[in-house]
Amino acid sequence: MNPHKILIITDAWYPQTNGVVRTMDNLGQQLQKRGHQVKYITPNEFITVPMPTYPEIRLALNVWPKINKIIKAYNPQVVHISTEGPLGFFGRKYCHKNNIKFTTSYHTKFPDYVYARTKIPVNFSYRFMRFFHKHSQSILVTTQTMKKELAENGFDENKLKVWTRGVEHDVFGNGTKVKDFKGPVWIYVGRVAIEKNIKAFLDLDIEGTKIIVGDGPQMNEVKKKYPHVVFTGMLGDKDIANYLASSDVFVFPSKTDTFGIVLIEALAAGLPIAGYKVPGPIDITGGTEIDSLDDDLKTSALKSLKIDKSKCKELAQKYTWEECAKIFEENCFSNY
């Protein structure tokens, strides 16, 4: 494939640590390896303020008209708008005004997140999301289930393209046990936030040790309430891999994630997934020989203990960042 000049506009970027940042970073690395030129427009180039209830997320303020000059100077062949924040909104506005084709991605169940924090009706948020993605040439979504869900909520089904994620197998498949915790060892990796439904995991009446890797707005609250849980705080990938290697089951209580990169990282470490039958988990392990998902989280957790770990690693092999970049090329470059 001929080299392309690619612009990625994202409101989610370092020092944030989340699935969107990991996806955009790994995507850019893979695209560069494939011979393309990649530029990002991120909040780091603008004056920012902390997002209400999410201070780790910085929202760009002085976007317009600065973003116009950046896009015009770079003159990209391919424009991808990753997020629905200020940068994404004004990047979209510039492209639409100047008849520049662009693609978008739908990473997060934004209407559900907003409802969990503000009780704003889901239908109201979906109207905004449909407006935001309306002029996109292709809307990249995480799973087939999310494609179906968005189509049912008024998105143009012909534009919705399934775009999977990857895992660094050499890192997560080679962790070293931190120490011998009292088993079974149950682990969660991710944000400690209300929309992650983390209390469903912490309230489980199960034997063994519970480990929480990550940080977030609910951290102080849950640390006080659950003193017997092991809280590690934020860790780098190698340290996360070591904690995964020290665990028996990965518990994923979220009902609002669209994929969950941590799920395939856990599988790469050989951990079965305990979770609900919701988008994300069902698209990864649902219907496979390692499917232990259930409408009851405790039932799912106990079923997971019987899963063959080697089968988990085997399933994880299908997820690579190379494949993620290839799907991006197929669905974004064809629009130009």
Protein backbone atom coordinates (compact mmCIF):
# COMPACT_ATOMS: atom_id res chain seq x y z
CA MET A 1 0.00 0.00 0.00
CA ASN A 2 1.24 3.49 -0.88
CA PRO A 3 2.36 5.69 2.01
CA HIS A 4 -0.25 8.11 3.32
CA LYS A 5 -0.05 11.32 5.31
CA ILE A 6 -2.34 10.67 8.27
CA LEU A 7 -3.76 13.06 10.86
CA ILE A 8 -5.28 11.69 14.07
CA ILE A 9 -7.27 14.13 16.22
CA THR A 10 -7.83 12.90 19.78
CA ASP A 11 -8.96 14.51 23.02
CA ALA A 12 -7.59 11.49 24.89
CA TRP A 13 -3.81 11.45 25.15
CA TYR A 14 -0.93 11.10 27.59
CA PRO A 15 -0.60 11.48 30.53
CA GLN A 16 -4.06 9.87 30.55
CA THR A 17 -4.05 6.09 30.78
CA ASN A 18 -7.03 4.46 29.13
CA GLY A 19 -8.07 2.29 26.21
CA VAL A 20 -8.45 5.19 23.78
CA VAL A 21 -4.90 6.45 24.43
CA ARG A 22 -3.45 2.94 24.16
CA THR A 23 -5.33 2.34 20.91
CA MET A 24 -4.31 5.60 19.25
CA ASP A 25 -0.69 5.26 20.35
CA ASN A 26 -0.32 1.66 19.17
CA LEU A 27 -2.19 2.44 15.96
CA GLY A 28 0.20 5.28 15.14
CA GLN A 29 3.24 3.12 15.83
CA GLN A 30 1.97 0.36 13.56
CA LEU A 31 1.02 2.78 10.77
CA GLN A 32 4.51 4.27 10.86
CA LYS A 33 6.01 0.78 10.67
CA ARG A 34 3.87 0.26 7.56
CA GLY A 35 5.47 3.31 5.94
CA HIS A 36 2.90 6.03 6.67
CA GLN A 37 3.47 9.49 8.13
CA VAL A 38 1.40 10.11 11.25
CA LYS A 39 0.68 13.34 13.12
CA TYR A 40 -1.49 13.75 16.22
CA ILE A 41 -3.45 16.76 17.40
CA THR A 42 -3.84 16.33 21.18
CA PRO A 43 -4.73 18.47 24.23
CA ASN A 44 -1.02 18.86 24.94
CA GLU A 45 -0.90 21.59 22.25
CA PHE A 46 -3.60 23.70 23.89
CA ILE A 47 -4.60 25.42 27.11
CA THR A 48 -6.60 22.87 29.08
CA VAL A 49 -8.86 22.60 32.12
CA PRO A 50 -9.73 19.48 34.10
CA MET A 51 -12.95 17.76 33.08
CA PRO A 52 -15.62 17.95 35.82
CA THR A 53 -15.68 14.68 37.87
CA TYR A 54 -12.69 13.46 35.79
CA PRO A 55 -9.75 15.76 36.68
CA GLU A 56 -7.23 13.43 34.97
CA ILE A 57 -8.87 14.24 31.65
CA ARG A 58 -7.85 17.66 30.33
CA LEU A 59 -10.20 19.51 27.98
CA ALA A 60 -8.70 21.86 25.40
CA LEU A 61 -9.96 25.47 25.52
CA ASN A 62 -8.30 27.58 22.82
CA VAL A 63 -9.13 25.15 20.00
CA TRP A 64 -10.63 27.47 17.41
CA PRO A 65 -9.02 28.77 15.20
CA LYS A 66 -5.68 27.21 16.21
CA ILE A 67 -6.72 23.74 15.07
CA ASN A 68 -7.54 25.17 11.61
CA LYS A 69 -3.97 26.36 11.15
CA ILE A 70 -2.52 23.02 12.29
CA ILE A 71 -4.67 21.00 9.89
CA LYS A 72 -4.06 23.39 7.00
CA ALA A 73 -0.28 23.43 7.55
CA TYR A 74 -0.05 19.64 7.75
CA ASN A 75 -2.34 19.10 4.74
CA PRO A 76 -3.16 15.45 5.50
CA GLN A 77 -4.39 12.84 3.02
CA VAL A 78 -6.30 10.96 5.73
CA VAL A 79 -8.06 12.52 8.73
CA HIS A 80 -9.32 10.40 11.60
CA ILE A 81 -11.23 11.96 14.50
CA SER A 82 -10.92 9.68 17.49
CA THR A 83 -13.03 11.38 20.17
CA GLU A 84 -16.13 13.50 20.62
CA GLY A 85 -14.44 16.18 22.78
CA PRO A 86 -13.49 19.80 21.96
CA LEU A 87 -10.67 18.81 19.58
CA GLY A 88 -12.82 16.26 17.83
CA PHE A 89 -15.72 18.72 17.54
CA PHE A 90 -13.70 21.57 16.04
CA GLY A 91 -11.65 19.20 13.88
CA ARG A 92 -14.91 17.84 12.52
CA LYS A 93 -16.21 21.38 11.98
CA TYR A 94 -13.12 22.38 9.99
CA CYS A 95 -13.23 19.27 7.80
CA HIS A 96 -16.95 19.61 7.10
CA LYS A 97 -16.64 23.31 6.28
CA ASN A 98 -13.73 22.70 3.89
CA ASN A 99 -15.14 19.55 2.25
CA ILE A 100 -12.39 17.38 3.70
CA LYS A 101 -13.39 13.75 4.11
CA PHE A 102 -12.80 12.25 7.54
CA THR A 103 -13.49 9.12 9.54
CA THR A 104 -14.37 8.75 13.21
CA SER A 105 -14.26 6.10 15.90
CA TYR A 106 -16.73 5.22 18.64
CA HIS A 107 -14.68 4.01 21.61
CA THR A 108 -16.91 4.65 24.59
CA LYS A 109 -20.56 4.15 25.52
CA PHE A 110 -20.70 7.88 26.12
CA PRO A 111 -24.49 8.07 26.72
CA ASP A 112 -24.23 5.43 29.46
CA TYR A 113 -21.23 7.16 31.06
CA VAL A 114 -23.05 10.49 31.09
CA TYR A 115 -26.16 8.91 32.60
CA ALA A 116 -24.13 7.18 35.33
CA ARG A 117 -22.64 10.50 36.41
CA THR A 118 -25.35 13.08 35.68
CA LYS A 119 -28.61 11.13 35.08
CA ILE A 120 -28.98 12.93 31.73
CA PRO A 121 -31.25 10.65 29.63
CA VAL A 122 -29.43 8.27 27.30
CA ASN A 123 -31.62 9.31 24.36
CA PHE A 124 -30.45 12.91 24.68
CA SER A 125 -26.77 11.89 24.51
CA TYR A 126 -27.41 9.61 21.55
CA ARG A 127 -28.80 12.57 19.60
CA PHE A 128 -25.51 14.38 20.09
CA MET A 129 -23.51 11.28 19.11
CA ARG A 130 -25.52 10.80 15.91
CA PHE A 131 -24.95 14.48 15.05
CA PHE A 132 -21.22 14.21 15.73
CA HIS A 133 -20.68 11.14 13.53
CA LYS A 134 -23.22 12.08 10.83
CA HIS A 135 -20.73 13.27 8.21
CA SER A 136 -18.06 10.65 8.89
CA GLN A 137 -17.14 8.47 5.91
CA SER A 138 -16.69 5.45 8.18
CA ILE A 139 -17.40 5.04 11.90
CA LEU A 140 -15.00 2.55 13.46
CA VAL A 141 -16.60 0.59 16.30
CA THR A 142 -15.05 -1.97 18.62
CA THR A 143 -17.27 -5.02 18.13
CA GLN A 144 -20.12 -6.51 16.16
CA THR A 145 -22.36 -6.11 19.20
CA MET A 146 -21.62 -2.38 19.35
CA LYS A 147 -22.32 -2.08 15.62
CA LYS A 148 -25.73 -3.65 16.17
CA GLU A 149 -26.42 -1.47 19.22
CA LEU A 150 -25.52 1.76 17.43
CA ALA A 151 -27.56 0.81 14.37
CA GLU A 152 -30.55 0.26 16.67
CA ASN A 153 -29.96 3.76 18.05
CA GLY A 154 -30.17 5.48 14.69
CA PHE A 155 -26.59 5.32 13.33
CA ASP A 156 -26.09 4.60 9.61
CA GLU A 157 -25.33 0.88 9.62
CA ASN A 158 -23.48 1.08 6.30
CA LYS A 159 -20.91 3.40 7.84
CA LEU A 160 -20.29 1.26 10.94
CA LYS A 161 -17.09 -0.80 10.60
CA VAL A 162 -15.84 -3.27 13.21
CA TRP A 163 -12.32 -2.38 14.32
CA THR A 164 -10.69 -4.75 16.78
CA ARG A 165 -7.83 -4.08 19.21
CA GLY A 166 -4.44 -5.64 19.94
CA VAL A 167 -2.22 -6.82 22.76
CA GLU A 168 1.53 -6.85 23.32
CA HIS A 169 1.94 -10.59 23.71
CA ASP A 170 5.65 -10.41 24.53
CA VAL A 171 4.81 -8.28 27.58
CA PHE A 172 1.56 -9.69 28.93
CA GLY A 173 2.35 -13.27 28.07
CA ASN A 174 5.62 -13.24 30.01
CA GLY A 175 4.81 -11.87 33.44
CA THR A 176 6.60 -13.04 36.59
CA LYS A 177 4.67 -13.81 39.76
CA VAL A 178 4.91 -10.92 42.26
CA LYS A 179 4.28 -13.12 45.30
CA ASP A 180 2.03 -15.93 46.49
CA PHE A 181 -1.25 -14.36 47.56
CA LYS A 182 -3.91 -16.36 49.37
CA GLY A 183 -5.87 -18.03 46.58
CA PRO A 184 -7.88 -17.94 44.56
CA VAL A 185 -6.57 -14.57 43.39
CA TRP A 186 -9.06 -12.30 41.66
CA ILE A 187 -7.77 -9.24 39.82
CA TYR A 188 -9.25 -6.15 38.17
CA VAL A 189 -7.19 -3.73 36.06
CA GLY A 190 -8.65 -0.38 35.08
CA ARG A 191 -10.14 2.86 36.29
CA VAL A 192 -11.63 2.97 39.75
CA ALA A 193 -14.74 4.86 38.71
CA ILE A 194 -18.50 4.59 39.08
CA GLU A 195 -19.16 3.63 35.46
CA LYS A 196 -16.86 0.62 35.82
CA ASN A 197 -19.28 -0.92 38.34
CA ILE A 198 -16.27 -1.86 40.46
CA LYS A 199 -18.26 -2.34 43.66
CA ALA A 200 -19.97 -5.34 42.09
CA PHE A 201 -16.56 -7.03 42.21
CA LEU A 202 -15.52 -5.74 45.62
CA ASP A 203 -18.82 -6.84 47.20
CA LEU A 204 -18.51 -10.43 45.95
CA ASP A 205 -18.62 -12.98 48.76
CA ILE A 206 -15.81 -15.21 47.52
CA GLU A 207 -12.73 -16.71 49.14
CA GLY A 208 -9.22 -15.62 48.30
CA THR A 209 -7.54 -12.30 47.52
CA LYS A 210 -8.90 -9.39 45.51
CA ILE A 211 -6.45 -7.12 43.71
CA ILE A 212 -7.24 -3.73 42.14
CA VAL A 213 -4.68 -2.31 39.71
CA GLY A 214 -5.35 1.28 38.65
CA ASP A 215 -6.61 4.57 40.00
CA GLY A 216 -9.57 6.86 39.62
CA PRO A 217 -12.08 9.18 41.28
CA GLN A 218 -13.49 6.46 43.57
CA MET A 219 -10.13 5.23 44.85
CA ASN A 220 -10.17 6.93 48.27
CA GLU A 221 -13.74 5.81 48.87
CA VAL A 222 -13.18 2.14 48.05
CA LYS A 223 -9.84 1.92 49.86
CA LYS A 224 -11.55 2.96 53.08
CA LYS A 225 -14.53 0.68 52.58
CA TYR A 226 -12.57 -2.41 51.50
CA PRO A 227 -9.40 -2.54 53.67
CA HIS A 228 -8.68 -6.20 52.90
CA VAL A 229 -8.37 -5.59 49.15
CA VAL A 230 -4.89 -5.16 47.63
CA PHE A 231 -4.71 -1.76 45.89
CA THR A 232 -1.58 -1.27 43.79
CA GLY A 233 -2.36 2.10 42.21
CA MET A 234 -1.24 2.86 38.66
CA LEU A 235 1.35 0.49 37.22
CA GLY A 236 3.30 0.14 33.99
CA ASP A 237 2.63 -2.72 31.59
CA LYS A 238 5.41 -4.98 32.87
CA ASP A 239 4.25 -4.63 36.47
CA ILE A 240 0.65 -5.24 35.41
CA ALA A 241 1.81 -8.38 33.62
CA ASN A 242 3.47 -9.55 36.83
CA TYR A 243 0.29 -9.08 38.84
CA LEU A 244 -1.70 -10.89 36.17
CA ALA A 245 0.80 -13.75 36.40
CA SER A 246 0.12 -13.83 40.15
CA SER A 247 -3.65 -14.16 39.70
CA ASP A 248 -6.20 -16.83 38.84
CA VAL A 249 -9.15 -14.95 37.37
CA PHE A 250 -9.62 -11.52 35.79
CA VAL A 251 -12.88 -9.96 37.00
CA PHE A 252 -14.47 -7.37 34.72
CA PRO A 253 -17.62 -5.93 36.34
CA SER A 254 -18.15 -3.11 33.82
CA LYS A 255 -21.38 -3.00 31.85
CA THR A 256 -20.49 0.09 29.82
CA ASP A 257 -17.17 -0.70 28.10
CA THR A 258 -17.30 -1.29 24.36
CA PHE A 259 -14.31 -3.64 24.28
CA GLY A 260 -11.85 -3.58 27.16
CA ILE A 261 -8.24 -3.96 26.01
CA VAL A 262 -7.45 -5.21 29.52
CA LEU A 263 -9.54 -8.30 28.71
CA ILE A 264 -7.28 -9.48 25.92
CA GLU A 265 -4.20 -8.54 27.94
CA ALA A 266 -5.51 -10.77 30.74
CA LEU A 267 -6.19 -13.57 28.26
CA ALA A 268 -2.63 -13.23 26.95
CA ALA A 269 -1.48 -13.82 30.53
CA GLY A 270 -3.63 -16.95 30.66
CA LEU A 271 -6.43 -15.58 32.84
CA PRO A 272 -10.08 -16.51 32.25
CA ILE A 273 -12.57 -13.64 32.25
CA ALA A 274 -15.35 -13.33 34.82
CA GLY A 275 -17.92 -10.79 33.75
CA TYR A 276 -21.44 -10.05 32.62
CA LYS A 277 -23.03 -10.94 29.29
CA VAL A 278 -22.62 -7.43 27.88
CA PRO A 279 -20.87 -5.86 24.85
CA GLY A 280 -17.12 -6.28 25.15
CA PRO A 281 -16.88 -9.51 27.13
CA ILE A 282 -19.42 -11.37 24.98
CA ASP A 283 -17.60 -10.28 21.81
CA ILE A 284 -14.29 -11.62 23.11
CA THR A 285 -15.07 -14.81 25.06
CA GLY A 286 -18.81 -15.25 24.46
CA GLY A 287 -19.57 -18.53 22.72
CA THR A 288 -16.00 -19.78 22.93
CA GLU A 289 -14.73 -22.76 24.91
CA ILE A 290 -13.52 -20.37 27.64
CA ASP A 291 -16.85 -18.57 28.00
CA SER A 292 -17.72 -18.27 31.68
CA LEU A 293 -19.81 -15.08 31.46
CA ASP A 294 -23.04 -14.95 33.42
CA ASP A 295 -25.79 -12.56 34.46
CA ASP A 296 -24.57 -13.18 38.02
CA LEU A 297 -20.97 -12.04 38.59
CA LYS A 298 -20.24 -14.51 41.39
CA THR A 299 -21.44 -17.42 39.25
CA SER A 300 -19.21 -16.23 36.43
CA ALA A 301 -16.23 -15.92 38.80
CA LEU A 302 -16.62 -19.45 40.14
CA LYS A 303 -17.08 -20.88 36.64
CA SER A 304 -13.88 -19.11 35.57
CA LEU A 305 -11.80 -21.13 38.05
CA LYS A 306 -12.46 -24.22 35.93
CA ILE A 307 -11.23 -22.69 32.66
CA ASP A 308 -8.07 -24.05 31.00
CA LYS A 309 -5.51 -21.20 31.07
CA SER A 310 -3.77 -22.42 27.94
CA LYS A 311 -7.03 -21.94 26.04
CA CYS A 312 -7.11 -18.32 27.21
CA LYS A 313 -3.67 -17.66 25.77
CA GLU A 314 -4.68 -19.40 22.57
CA LEU A 315 -7.70 -17.13 22.10
CA ALA A 316 -5.61 -14.01 22.78
CA GLN A 317 -3.34 -14.79 19.82
CA LYS A 318 -5.96 -13.55 17.36
CA TYR A 319 -5.62 -10.00 18.71
CA THR A 320 -2.64 -8.00 17.42
CA TRP A 321 -1.93 -4.32 16.88
CA GLU A 322 -0.78 -5.19 13.36
CA GLU A 323 -4.29 -6.41 12.56
CA CYS A 324 -5.73 -3.28 14.17
CA ALA A 325 -3.66 -1.08 11.81
CA LYS A 326 -4.61 -3.21 8.81
CA ILE A 327 -8.34 -2.79 9.52
CA PHE A 328 -7.80 0.96 9.92
CA GLU A 329 -6.15 1.12 6.49
CA GLU A 330 -8.91 -0.90 4.85
CA ASN A 331 -11.71 1.25 6.24
CA CYS A 332 -10.15 4.70 6.26
CA PHE A 333 -7.92 4.87 3.20
CA SER A 334 -10.63 3.62 0.84
CA ASN A 335 -12.55 6.87 1.40
CA TYR A 336 -9.92 8.96 -0.41
